[in-house]
Structure formats: C-alpha cells, structure tokens
Protein backbone atom coordinates (compact mmCIF):
# COMPACT_ATOMS: atom_id res chain seq x y z
CA UNK A 1 19.75 -3.80 5.48
CA UNK A 2 22.89 -5.91 5.24
CA UNK A 3 21.59 -8.20 7.99
CA UNK A 4 18.37 -8.71 6.05
CA UNK A 5 20.32 -9.46 2.86
CA UNK A 6 22.41 -12.03 4.75
CA UNK A 7 19.28 -13.63 6.20
CA UNK A 8 17.70 -13.84 2.73
CA UNK A 9 20.90 -15.43 1.38
CA UNK A 10 20.92 -18.03 4.17
CA UNK A 11 17.23 -18.76 3.60
CA UNK A 12 17.78 -19.21 -0.14
CA UNK A 13 20.73 -21.56 0.45
CA UNK A 14 18.65 -23.64 2.86
CA UNK A 15 15.69 -23.68 0.45
CA UNK A 16 17.92 -24.75 -2.46
CA UNK A 17 19.51 -27.56 -0.48
CA UNK A 18 16.09 -28.84 0.67
CA UNK A 19 14.43 -28.56 -2.72
CA UNK A 20 17.24 -29.49 -5.13
CA UNK A 21 19.75 -31.24 -2.82
CA UNK A 22 22.48 -28.75 -3.74
CA UNK A 23 23.21 -25.10 -3.20
CA UNK A 24 26.06 -22.70 -3.96
CA UNK A 25 28.38 -21.46 -1.23
CA UNK A 26 27.31 -17.87 -1.71
CA UNK A 27 23.96 -16.54 -2.88
CA UNK A 28 23.99 -13.04 -4.37
CA UNK A 29 21.29 -10.69 -3.09
CA UNK A 30 21.58 -7.27 -4.71
CA UNK A 31 19.67 -4.11 -5.49
CA UNK A 32 17.77 -4.30 -8.80
CA UNK A 33 18.33 -1.58 -11.42
CA UNK A 34 14.67 -0.46 -11.45
CA UNK A 35 12.35 0.03 -8.46
CA UNK A 36 9.54 -1.91 -10.16
CA UNK A 37 11.68 -5.04 -9.91
CA UNK A 38 11.47 -5.09 -6.14
CA UNK A 39 13.67 -3.83 -3.34
CA UNK A 40 16.15 -6.71 -3.56
CA UNK A 41 16.81 -9.34 -6.22
CA UNK A 42 18.78 -12.54 -6.61
CA UNK A 43 20.02 -14.09 -9.86
CA UNK A 44 20.42 -17.49 -8.17
CA UNK A 45 18.04 -19.20 -10.61
CA UNK A 46 20.50 -18.61 -13.47
CA UNK A 47 23.31 -20.37 -11.61
CA UNK A 48 21.04 -23.24 -10.59
CA UNK A 49 19.72 -23.57 -14.16
CA UNK A 50 23.20 -24.56 -15.33
CA UNK A 51 23.51 -27.21 -12.63
CA UNK A 52 19.97 -28.58 -12.91
CA UNK A 53 19.61 -28.18 -16.70
CA UNK A 54 16.25 -26.47 -16.33
CA UNK A 55 14.88 -23.08 -17.34
CA UNK A 56 15.83 -20.29 -14.91
CA UNK A 57 12.31 -18.83 -15.01
CA UNK A 58 10.82 -22.16 -13.80
CA UNK A 59 13.36 -22.39 -10.97
CA UNK A 60 12.66 -18.78 -9.92
CA UNK A 61 8.91 -19.46 -9.86
CA UNK A 62 9.39 -22.58 -7.73
CA UNK A 63 11.63 -20.68 -5.31
CA UNK A 64 9.18 -17.78 -5.09
CA UNK A 65 6.28 -20.11 -4.32
CA UNK A 66 8.16 -22.01 -1.63
CA UNK A 67 10.01 -19.05 -0.07
CA UNK A 68 9.22 -19.04 3.67
CA UNK A 69 7.87 -16.00 5.50
CA UNK A 70 10.66 -13.76 6.77
CA UNK A 71 10.26 -10.66 8.94
CA UNK A 72 10.78 -7.64 6.71
CA UNK A 73 9.92 -9.39 3.44
CA UNK A 74 6.40 -8.65 2.16
CA UNK A 75 6.42 -10.86 -0.93
CA UNK A 76 8.67 -12.74 -3.33
CA UNK A 77 8.05 -12.98 -7.06
CA UNK A 78 9.80 -14.40 -10.10
CA UNK A 79 10.66 -11.69 -12.59
CA UNK A 80 12.19 -11.35 -16.01
CA UNK A 81 13.96 -14.37 -17.37
CA UNK A 82 14.63 -15.84 -13.93
CA UNK A 83 15.35 -13.26 -11.26
CA UNK A 84 13.94 -13.71 -7.80
CA UNK A 85 12.51 -10.31 -6.80
CA UNK A 86 11.93 -9.53 -3.13
CA UNK A 87 9.62 -6.75 -1.99
CA UNK A 88 10.28 -5.52 1.53
CA UNK A 89 7.74 -4.69 4.19
CA UNK A 90 8.60 -1.04 4.82
CA UNK A 91 6.91 -0.89 8.23
CA UNK A 92 8.74 -3.94 9.55
CA UNK A 93 12.16 -2.88 8.27
CA UNK A 94 11.94 0.67 9.63
CA UNK A 95 10.60 -0.35 13.04
CA UNK A 96 13.58 -2.62 13.74
CA UNK A 97 16.09 0.20 13.40
CA UNK A 98 16.03 3.77 14.55
CA UNK A 99 13.87 6.11 12.58
CA UNK A 100 15.69 8.35 10.14
CA UNK A 101 15.27 12.11 10.55
CA UNK A 102 12.75 13.73 8.27
CA UNK A 103 13.19 16.84 6.24
CA UNK A 104 11.41 19.87 7.61
CA UNK A 105 10.70 21.10 4.09
CA UNK A 106 8.76 18.13 2.80
CA UNK A 107 8.41 15.66 5.68
CA UNK A 108 9.93 12.70 3.84
CA UNK A 109 12.84 10.68 5.25
CA UNK A 110 16.37 11.32 4.08
CA UNK A 111 17.70 8.86 1.54
CA UNK A 112 20.31 6.82 3.40
CA UNK A 113 21.50 4.73 0.48
CA UNK A 114 21.07 6.90 -2.57
CA UNK A 115 22.05 10.50 -3.05
CA UNK A 116 18.97 11.20 -5.11
CA UNK A 117 16.41 13.54 -3.71
CA UNK A 118 14.28 12.53 -0.79
CA UNK A 119 11.44 14.89 -1.58
CA UNK A 120 9.47 15.99 -4.61
CA UNK A 121 10.46 19.63 -4.21
CA UNK A 122 14.09 18.86 -4.93
CA UNK A 123 13.84 18.39 -8.71
CA UNK A 124 16.01 15.28 -8.72
CA UNK A 125 19.39 16.83 -7.94
CA UNK A 126 19.03 18.34 -4.53
CA UNK A 127 18.96 16.69 -1.17
CA UNK A 128 16.77 17.91 1.64
CA UNK A 129 18.73 18.73 4.75
CA UNK A 130 17.94 20.32 8.04
CA UNK A 131 20.61 22.69 9.26
CA UNK A 132 20.80 23.94 12.82
CA UNK A 133 17.88 26.34 12.49
CA UNK A 134 16.95 26.58 8.85
CA UNK A 135 15.68 23.65 6.78
CA UNK A 136 16.90 23.83 3.20
CA UNK A 137 17.24 21.77 0.07
CA UNK A 138 20.73 22.02 -1.28
CA UNK A 139 23.18 20.31 -3.60
CA UNK A 140 24.71 17.22 -1.95
CA UNK A 141 28.21 17.69 -0.58
CA UNK A 142 30.62 14.79 -0.51
C-alpha cells in the first residue's frame, strides 16, 4: 500500500508541474476519515489554492479529470471543499501482493491495517482468527 501511495504522490507532483508549472516537494496521500470518501485522499488542492489564488474545489476537479490511469486506482473524484479522493481497484491491489488468510468462521480476509472486525459476526470489537485447529473470534491481543 505504501508503494501505491508513493506512486500516487509522484503522479500528482508530475501532474501539478505539467498543469500549473509548479508543485510542492511532498504531496500528502492519506487515509480519509470515512470510507465513503474513498480509500485514499490528498489535500493537495488546498495547498495549491494558496499558491494559485483559486478555489480548492476547482483545482481538485481539474486534477481529478486529468489524473492518468494508474494500476490499482479505479477512479479519482473531487470531494468536499477540495479533497482529491482516490478509489482503489480491489482486484488489482490484492493480486499484486500475496493473498491474506481468510477467517474460517466467516470467510472474509483479516484486516491488516485496522483492528476492527473483519467479519459481520464479530459485533465490531472482536477479530476473527484461526488458531492451530479451532477457528474463533476473539478480542484482539496487542
């Protein structure tokens, strides 16, 4: 995932330098607070709005429209007041790395980045695990 975030950052820097003839040294690509906002997001339009003296929403829309196709990125959209929301292609991102083990209790993959439950049977606090012989949902241990 970090490699994809770095690739998105490089692509955004290149796009900004081509389109606006300037780009920041570092482009932030982060996880949005709500899943409906995409899988990754960048607030780069806010920083560019100060430099270009334009509305961040307009800059985000222009960047979303001209964002090139990247492997692993399904679509790019402008959201909120000027965030650039990126929605990942789940099939492409999981096929490039090894498949995560699935829980024997519910068949869904383990959550690698968040400790929240990986299956519906876990009621939001438990994490599905497969022990040596017995699959079980249990409280996460740190």
